[in-house]
Amino acid sequence: MDTQNQWRPLISVFANADSRRAAAEIMLGATVESAIADLSPSKRRKVTKALVNSGMVELETQAFVPDVFRKVLESTHVPTRQGRERFVDGKRILQYPANLEERGELLAWVASEVFTADEVLTERQVNDRLRPFSQDVAVLRRYLVDYELVERRSDGTEYALTGRGPASMQS
């Protein structure tokens, strides 16, 4: 069986009312024979075949295979997100990294997406550009300043790139 699609026959058991009921009874200790006894001969064959193909029932013994779900989960590759992808969905920041260096890298990416060199923006312009990245633009804007990626006039009216990388932050 294709290990990447091993889950498909298992899910198909639960998509059909007859095989779903039989699977539930078998998982609760019934025999295959007793679980399908009230079905027509053609439905018995169909349900038995589905249960065996799914890996839930051993062909020879007709017994429930309790490890079937664990095996399917182990065979299914879940891609591990790397770098900033762990913290964003598209452009939206889902959470800020606890690791300050990783947080600085994430913020440097945001700064490079929002600002261009020698550009000076008002607070409103900065907020508008940060909105796709975070619902809380004030926190994001503050992080950009704290990490010395963006400089802010003391009266808060203008923001610009510093041209430096993220400052090392101490917790």
C-alpha atoms as a PDB file:
ATOM      1  CA  MET A   1       0.000   0.000   0.000  1.00  0.00           C
ATOM      2  CA  ASP A   2       1.199   3.517  -0.792  1.00  0.00           C
ATOM      3  CA  THR A   3       2.292   4.758   2.638  1.00  0.00           C
ATOM      4  CA  GLN A   4       1.474   8.379   1.866  1.00  0.00           C
ATOM      5  CA  ASN A   5      -2.144   7.533   1.068  1.00  0.00           C
ATOM      6  CA  GLN A   6      -2.570   4.802   3.669  1.00  0.00           C
ATOM      7  CA  TRP A   7      -5.200   6.941   5.395  1.00  0.00           C
ATOM      8  CA  ARG A   8      -7.613   6.920   2.417  1.00  0.00           C
ATOM      9  CA  PRO A   9      -8.964   3.348   2.811  1.00  0.00           C
ATOM     10  CA  LEU A  10      -9.227   3.907   6.555  1.00  0.00           C
ATOM     11  CA  ILE A  11     -11.269   7.080   6.112  1.00  0.00           C
ATOM     12  CA  SER A  12     -13.443   5.412   3.481  1.00  0.00           C
ATOM     13  CA  VAL A  13     -14.536   2.880   6.118  1.00  0.00           C
ATOM     14  CA  PHE A  14     -15.996   5.751   8.114  1.00  0.00           C
ATOM     15  CA  ALA A  15     -17.623   7.343   5.073  1.00  0.00           C
ATOM     16  CA  ASN A  16     -20.026   4.409   4.613  1.00  0.00           C
ATOM     17  CA  ALA A  17     -22.728   3.798   7.227  1.00  0.00           C
ATOM     18  CA  ASP A  18     -22.543  -0.025   7.048  1.00  0.00           C
ATOM     19  CA  SER A  19     -18.747  -0.241   7.308  1.00  0.00           C
ATOM     20  CA  ARG A  20     -18.690   2.513   9.976  1.00  0.00           C
ATOM     21  CA  ARG A  21     -21.146   0.588  12.162  1.00  0.00           C
ATOM     22  CA  ALA A  22     -19.281  -2.678  11.628  1.00  0.00           C
ATOM     23  CA  ALA A  23     -15.929  -1.012  12.430  1.00  0.00           C
ATOM     24  CA  ALA A  24     -17.345   0.445  15.647  1.00  0.00           C
ATOM     25  CA  GLU A  25     -18.671  -2.942  16.743  1.00  0.00           C
ATOM     26  CA  ILE A  26     -15.382  -4.653  15.885  1.00  0.00           C
ATOM     27  CA  MET A  27     -13.368  -2.003  17.779  1.00  0.00           C
ATOM     28  CA  LEU A  28     -15.630  -2.675  20.774  1.00  0.00           C
ATOM     29  CA  GLY A  29     -14.860  -6.397  20.657  1.00  0.00           C
ATOM     30  CA  ALA A  30     -17.376  -7.939  18.245  1.00  0.00           C
ATOM     31  CA  THR A  31     -16.280 -10.398  15.605  1.00  0.00           C
ATOM     32  CA  VAL A  32     -16.445  -9.404  11.949  1.00  0.00           C
ATOM     33  CA  GLU A  33     -19.055 -12.101  11.422  1.00  0.00           C
ATOM     34  CA  SER A  34     -21.368 -10.754  14.128  1.00  0.00           C
ATOM     35  CA  ALA A  35     -20.796  -7.121  13.070  1.00  0.00           C
ATOM     36  CA  ILE A  36     -21.963  -7.788   9.501  1.00  0.00           C
ATOM     37  CA  ALA A  37     -24.524 -10.530  10.188  1.00  0.00           C
ATOM     38  CA  ASP A  38     -27.557  -8.363   9.379  1.00  0.00           C
ATOM     39  CA  LEU A  39     -26.194  -7.238   5.981  1.00  0.00           C
ATOM     40  CA  SER A  40     -26.941  -8.790   2.611  1.00  0.00           C
ATOM     41  CA  PRO A  41     -24.238 -11.128   1.229  1.00  0.00           C
ATOM     42  CA  SER A  42     -22.999  -8.501  -1.262  1.00  0.00           C
ATOM     43  CA  LYS A  43     -22.798  -5.829   1.479  1.00  0.00           C
ATOM     44  CA  ARG A  44     -20.994  -8.297   3.770  1.00  0.00           C
ATOM     45  CA  ARG A  45     -18.340  -8.833   1.086  1.00  0.00           C
ATOM     46  CA  LYS A  46     -18.066  -5.092   0.445  1.00  0.00           C
ATOM     47  CA  VAL A  47     -17.763  -4.166   4.143  1.00  0.00           C
ATOM     48  CA  THR A  48     -15.318  -7.001   4.879  1.00  0.00           C
ATOM     49  CA  LYS A  49     -13.162  -5.955   1.921  1.00  0.00           C
ATOM     50  CA  ALA A  50     -13.197  -2.314   3.089  1.00  0.00           C
ATOM     51  CA  LEU A  51     -12.238  -3.302   6.649  1.00  0.00           C
ATOM     52  CA  VAL A  52      -9.374  -5.503   5.461  1.00  0.00           C
ATOM     53  CA  ASN A  53      -8.121  -2.970   2.883  1.00  0.00           C
ATOM     54  CA  SER A  54      -8.120  -0.256   5.546  1.00  0.00           C
ATOM     55  CA  GLY A  55      -5.854  -2.324   7.779  1.00  0.00           C
ATOM     56  CA  MET A  56      -8.438  -2.343  10.581  1.00  0.00           C
ATOM     57  CA  VAL A  57      -9.061  -6.076  10.292  1.00  0.00           C
ATOM     58  CA  GLU A  58      -6.508  -8.850   9.787  1.00  0.00           C
ATOM     59  CA  LEU A  59      -7.474 -10.914   6.711  1.00  0.00           C
ATOM     60  CA  GLU A  60      -6.772 -14.384   8.120  1.00  0.00           C
ATOM     61  CA  THR A  61      -7.979 -13.948  11.698  1.00  0.00           C
ATOM     62  CA  GLN A  62     -10.664 -11.348  10.914  1.00  0.00           C
ATOM     63  CA  ALA A  63      -9.592  -9.634  14.162  1.00  0.00           C
ATOM     64  CA  PHE A  64      -9.332  -5.913  14.825  1.00  0.00           C
ATOM     65  CA  VAL A  65      -5.792  -4.495  14.426  1.00  0.00           C
ATOM     66  CA  PRO A  66      -5.446  -1.954  17.242  1.00  0.00           C
ATOM     67  CA  ASP A  67      -2.237  -0.387  15.841  1.00  0.00           C
ATOM     68  CA  VAL A  68      -3.873   0.638  12.552  1.00  0.00           C
ATOM     69  CA  PHE A  69      -4.386   4.272  13.550  1.00  0.00           C
ATOM     70  CA  ARG A  70      -0.875   4.686  14.982  1.00  0.00           C
ATOM     71  CA  LYS A  71       0.643   3.178  11.830  1.00  0.00           C
ATOM     72  CA  VAL A  72      -1.317   5.508   9.572  1.00  0.00           C
ATOM     73  CA  LEU A  73      -0.318   8.534  11.619  1.00  0.00           C
ATOM     74  CA  GLU A  74       3.340   7.491  11.519  1.00  0.00           C
ATOM     75  CA  SER A  75       3.221   7.002   7.749  1.00  0.00           C
ATOM     76  CA  THR A  76       1.756  10.412   7.069  1.00  0.00           C
ATOM     77  CA  HIS A  77       4.400  13.082   6.578  1.00  0.00           C
ATOM     78  CA  VAL A  78       3.557  16.403   8.138  1.00  0.00           C
ATOM     79  CA  PRO A  79       5.901  19.041   6.749  1.00  0.00           C
ATOM     80  CA  THR A  80       7.795  20.905   9.425  1.00  0.00           C
ATOM     81  CA  ARG A  81       7.723  24.626   8.993  1.00  0.00           C
ATOM     82  CA  GLN A  82      11.123  26.291   9.185  1.00  0.00           C
ATOM     83  CA  GLY A  83      12.345  29.794   9.984  1.00  0.00           C
ATOM     84  CA  ARG A  84       9.783  32.573  10.065  1.00  0.00           C
ATOM     85  CA  GLU A  85       7.191  30.237   8.506  1.00  0.00           C
ATOM     86  CA  ARG A  86       6.713  28.784  11.996  1.00  0.00           C
ATOM     87  CA  PHE A  87       5.365  32.131  13.173  1.00  0.00           C
ATOM     88  CA  VAL A  88       3.378  33.438  10.201  1.00  0.00           C
ATOM     89  CA  ASP A  89       0.496  32.425   7.998  1.00  0.00           C
ATOM     90  CA  GLY A  90       1.273  34.112   4.704  1.00  0.00           C
ATOM     91  CA  LYS A  91       2.187  37.569   5.966  1.00  0.00           C
ATOM     92  CA  ARG A  92       0.117  37.430   9.170  1.00  0.00           C
ATOM     93  CA  ILE A  93       2.132  36.988  12.374  1.00  0.00           C
ATOM     94  CA  LEU A  94       0.502  34.228  14.408  1.00  0.00           C
ATOM     95  CA  GLN A  95       2.859  34.594  17.364  1.00  0.00           C
ATOM     96  CA  TYR A  96       6.152  36.236  18.168  1.00  0.00           C
ATOM     97  CA  PRO A  97       9.106  33.915  18.744  1.00  0.00           C
ATOM     98  CA  ALA A  98      10.209  33.590  22.358  1.00  0.00           C
ATOM     99  CA  ASN A  99      13.807  33.366  21.131  1.00  0.00           C
ATOM    100  CA  LEU A 100      14.958  36.962  20.803  1.00  0.00           C
ATOM    101  CA  GLU A 101      17.247  36.266  17.852  1.00  0.00           C
ATOM    102  CA  GLU A 102      14.425  34.581  15.933  1.00  0.00           C
ATOM    103  CA  ARG A 103      12.123  37.456  16.870  1.00  0.00           C
ATOM    104  CA  GLY A 104      14.696  39.889  15.482  1.00  0.00           C
ATOM    105  CA  GLU A 105      14.830  37.931  12.212  1.00  0.00           C
ATOM    106  CA  LEU A 106      11.044  37.986  11.936  1.00  0.00           C
ATOM    107  CA  LEU A 107      10.949  41.715  12.611  1.00  0.00           C
ATOM    108  CA  ALA A 108      13.753  42.370  10.100  1.00  0.00           C
ATOM    109  CA  TRP A 109      11.644  40.604   7.476  1.00  0.00           C
ATOM    110  CA  VAL A 110       8.616  42.748   8.364  1.00  0.00           C
ATOM    111  CA  ALA A 111      10.710  45.921   8.205  1.00  0.00           C
ATOM    112  CA  SER A 112      12.048  44.963   4.773  1.00  0.00           C
ATOM    113  CA  GLU A 113       8.503  44.322   3.536  1.00  0.00           C
ATOM    114  CA  VAL A 114       7.053  47.550   4.934  1.00  0.00           C
ATOM    115  CA  PHE A 115       9.777  50.150   4.410  1.00  0.00           C
ATOM    116  CA  THR A 116      12.054  51.078   1.542  1.00  0.00           C
ATOM    117  CA  ALA A 117      15.434  52.772   1.966  1.00  0.00           C
ATOM    118  CA  ASP A 118      15.322  56.539   2.552  1.00  0.00           C
ATOM    119  CA  GLU A 119      11.551  56.462   2.983  1.00  0.00           C
ATOM    120  CA  VAL A 120      10.020  58.459   5.827  1.00  0.00           C
ATOM    121  CA  LEU A 121       6.471  57.533   6.823  1.00  0.00           C
ATOM    122  CA  THR A 122       3.893  58.979   9.150  1.00  0.00           C
ATOM    123  CA  GLU A 123       2.534  56.840  11.976  1.00  0.00           C
ATOM    124  CA  ARG A 124      -0.724  56.372  10.072  1.00  0.00           C
ATOM    125  CA  GLN A 125       1.188  55.176   6.955  1.00  0.00           C
ATOM    126  CA  VAL A 126       3.235  52.776   9.088  1.00  0.00           C
ATOM    127  CA  ASN A 127       0.073  51.429  10.734  1.00  0.00           C
ATOM    128  CA  ASP A 128      -1.591  50.925   7.344  1.00  0.00           C
ATOM    129  CA  ARG A 129       1.420  48.992   6.067  1.00  0.00           C
ATOM    130  CA  LEU A 130       1.725  46.904   9.237  1.00  0.00           C
ATOM    131  CA  ARG A 131      -1.966  45.922   9.316  1.00  0.00           C
ATOM    132  CA  PRO A 132      -1.505  42.912   6.949  1.00  0.00           C
ATOM    133  CA  PHE A 133       1.115  41.565   9.379  1.00  0.00           C
ATOM    134  CA  SER A 134      -0.654  41.998  12.712  1.00  0.00           C
ATOM    135  CA  GLN A 135      -3.933  43.012  14.250  1.00  0.00           C
ATOM    136  CA  ASP A 136      -2.005  44.818  16.986  1.00  0.00           C
ATOM    137  CA  VAL A 137       0.040  47.262  14.903  1.00  0.00           C
ATOM    138  CA  ALA A 138       1.091  49.275  17.970  1.00  0.00           C
ATOM    139  CA  VAL A 139       2.958  46.280  19.432  1.00  0.00           C
ATOM    140  CA  LEU A 140       4.542  45.438  16.087  1.00  0.00           C
ATOM    141  CA  ARG A 141       5.564  49.052  15.530  1.00  0.00           C
ATOM    142  CA  ARG A 142       7.063  49.171  19.049  1.00  0.00           C
ATOM    143  CA  TYR A 143       9.035  45.956  18.416  1.00  0.00           C
ATOM    144  CA  LEU A 144      10.442  47.407  15.189  1.00  0.00           C
ATOM    145  CA  VAL A 145      11.665  50.459  17.107  1.00  0.00           C
ATOM    146  CA  ASP A 146      12.916  48.432  20.113  1.00  0.00           C
ATOM    147  CA  TYR A 147      14.915  46.164  17.819  1.00  0.00           C
ATOM    148  CA  GLU A 148      16.410  49.290  16.199  1.00  0.00           C
ATOM    149  CA  LEU A 149      15.160  48.316  12.766  1.00  0.00           C
ATOM    150  CA  VAL A 150      13.048  51.449  12.538  1.00  0.00           C
ATOM    151  CA  GLU A 151      13.718  54.818  14.085  1.00  0.00           C
ATOM    152  CA  ARG A 152      10.980  57.058  15.369  1.00  0.00           C
ATOM    153  CA  ARG A 153      11.030  60.783  15.940  1.00  0.00           C
ATOM    154  CA  SER A 154      10.555  61.605  19.593  1.00  0.00           C
ATOM    155  CA  ASP A 155       7.161  63.144  18.864  1.00  0.00           C
ATOM    156  CA  GLY A 156       6.081  59.960  17.000  1.00  0.00           C
ATOM    157  CA  THR A 157       5.283  61.734  13.740  1.00  0.00           C
ATOM    158  CA  GLU A 158       7.861  60.053  11.483  1.00  0.00           C
ATOM    159  CA  TYR A 159       9.324  56.583  11.057  1.00  0.00           C
ATOM    160  CA  ALA A 160      12.179  55.373   8.849  1.00  0.00           C
ATOM    161  CA  LEU A 161      14.485  52.378   8.459  1.00  0.00           C
ATOM    162  CA  THR A 162      17.685  52.596  10.461  1.00  0.00           C
ATOM    163  CA  GLY A 163      19.693  50.568   7.958  1.00  0.00           C
ATOM    164  CA  ARG A 164      20.906  48.313  10.768  1.00  0.00           C
ATOM    165  CA  GLY A 165      20.073  44.724  11.586  1.00  0.00           C
ATOM    166  CA  PRO A 166      18.100  43.794  14.673  1.00  0.00           C
ATOM    167  CA  ALA A 167      19.657  45.023  17.913  1.00  0.00           C
ATOM    168  CA  SER A 168      20.513  42.279  20.347  1.00  0.00           C
ATOM    169  CA  MET A 169      17.799  42.317  22.973  1.00  0.00           C
ATOM    170  CA  GLN A 170      18.161  41.082  26.529  1.00  0.00           C
ATOM    171  CA  SER A 171      15.193  39.582  28.318  1.00  0.00           C
END
